[in-house]
Amino acid sequence: RHTDHFLELGCEDNLCLGCDFDGIDKSPEGINGTADMYKLYDIFKKNFGSTAEKIFYDNAETFFKKIPVQ
């Protein structure tokens, strides 16, 4: 639902998904850690098409490329 909302707001080129599982009481069924992220990607790909690649990789890569190296 959160992803739908942010995409409705026009955040397709800004939305990124992290995989920090620290501090959560319960994870989604079948997602037990970073080794299961491909399952989440498959769900996003099914629901959001090519935007899944942006959310899982491209948007973060673009962001980090904009940060000047010191």
Protein backbone atom coordinates (compact mmCIF):
# COMPACT_ATOMS: atom_id res chain seq x y z
CA ARG A 1 0.00 0.00 0.00
CA HIS A 2 2.84 2.39 0.76
CA THR A 3 4.42 1.82 -2.64
CA ASP A 4 1.10 2.39 -4.41
CA HIS A 5 0.65 5.65 -2.52
CA PHE A 6 4.12 6.99 -3.30
CA LEU A 7 3.81 6.04 -6.95
CA GLU A 8 0.45 7.84 -7.09
CA LEU A 9 2.27 10.93 -5.76
CA GLY A 10 4.70 10.74 -8.68
CA CYS A 11 7.72 9.37 -6.82
CA GLU A 12 8.63 6.73 -9.41
CA ASP A 13 12.12 8.19 -9.88
CA ASN A 14 12.75 8.71 -6.15
CA LEU A 15 11.39 5.67 -4.35
CA CYS A 16 13.99 3.15 -3.13
CA LEU A 17 13.64 -0.01 -1.12
CA GLY A 18 16.10 -0.84 1.64
CA CYS A 19 16.53 -4.16 3.33
CA ASP A 20 17.16 -3.25 6.94
CA PHE A 21 15.46 -5.92 9.00
CA ASP A 22 16.77 -4.67 12.35
CA GLY A 23 14.13 -3.58 14.81
CA ILE A 24 11.10 -5.21 13.22
CA ASP A 25 8.91 -7.55 15.22
CA LYS A 26 7.55 -9.45 12.24
CA SER A 27 8.57 -9.79 8.62
CA PRO A 28 6.25 -10.55 5.70
CA GLU A 29 5.45 -14.23 5.29
CA GLY A 30 8.24 -15.98 3.42
CA ILE A 31 10.70 -13.08 3.82
CA ASN A 32 13.19 -14.07 6.50
CA GLY A 33 16.10 -11.81 5.58
CA THR A 34 18.08 -10.39 2.71
CA ALA A 35 18.45 -13.83 1.08
CA ASP A 36 14.70 -13.69 0.33
CA MET A 37 14.69 -10.25 -1.33
CA TYR A 38 14.28 -11.87 -4.74
CA LYS A 39 10.80 -12.99 -3.59
CA LEU A 40 9.88 -9.41 -2.80
CA TYR A 41 11.32 -8.28 -6.14
CA ASP A 42 9.16 -10.84 -7.95
CA ILE A 43 6.06 -9.42 -6.24
CA PHE A 44 7.05 -5.86 -7.13
CA LYS A 45 7.82 -6.86 -10.73
CA LYS A 46 4.39 -8.47 -11.02
CA ASN A 47 2.61 -5.42 -9.55
CA PHE A 48 4.70 -2.52 -10.85
CA GLY A 49 6.43 -3.84 -13.99
CA SER A 50 9.66 -2.12 -14.97
CA THR A 51 9.28 0.32 -12.07
CA ALA A 52 10.41 -2.52 -9.80
CA GLU A 53 13.94 -2.18 -11.19
CA LYS A 54 13.91 1.52 -10.30
CA ILE A 55 12.70 0.85 -6.77
CA PHE A 56 15.15 -1.99 -6.11
CA TYR A 57 18.24 -0.58 -7.81
CA ASP A 58 18.18 2.26 -10.32
CA ASN A 59 16.89 5.05 -8.07
CA ALA A 60 19.43 4.29 -5.34
CA GLU A 61 22.25 4.10 -7.88
CA THR A 62 21.24 7.47 -9.32
CA PHE A 63 21.11 9.00 -5.84
CA PHE A 64 24.57 7.75 -4.87
CA LYS A 65 26.08 8.90 -8.15
CA LYS A 66 24.95 12.44 -7.31
CA ILE A 67 26.81 12.48 -3.99
CA PRO A 68 30.24 14.08 -4.44
CA VAL A 69 33.17 11.87 -3.46
CA GLN A 70 35.27 13.46 -0.75
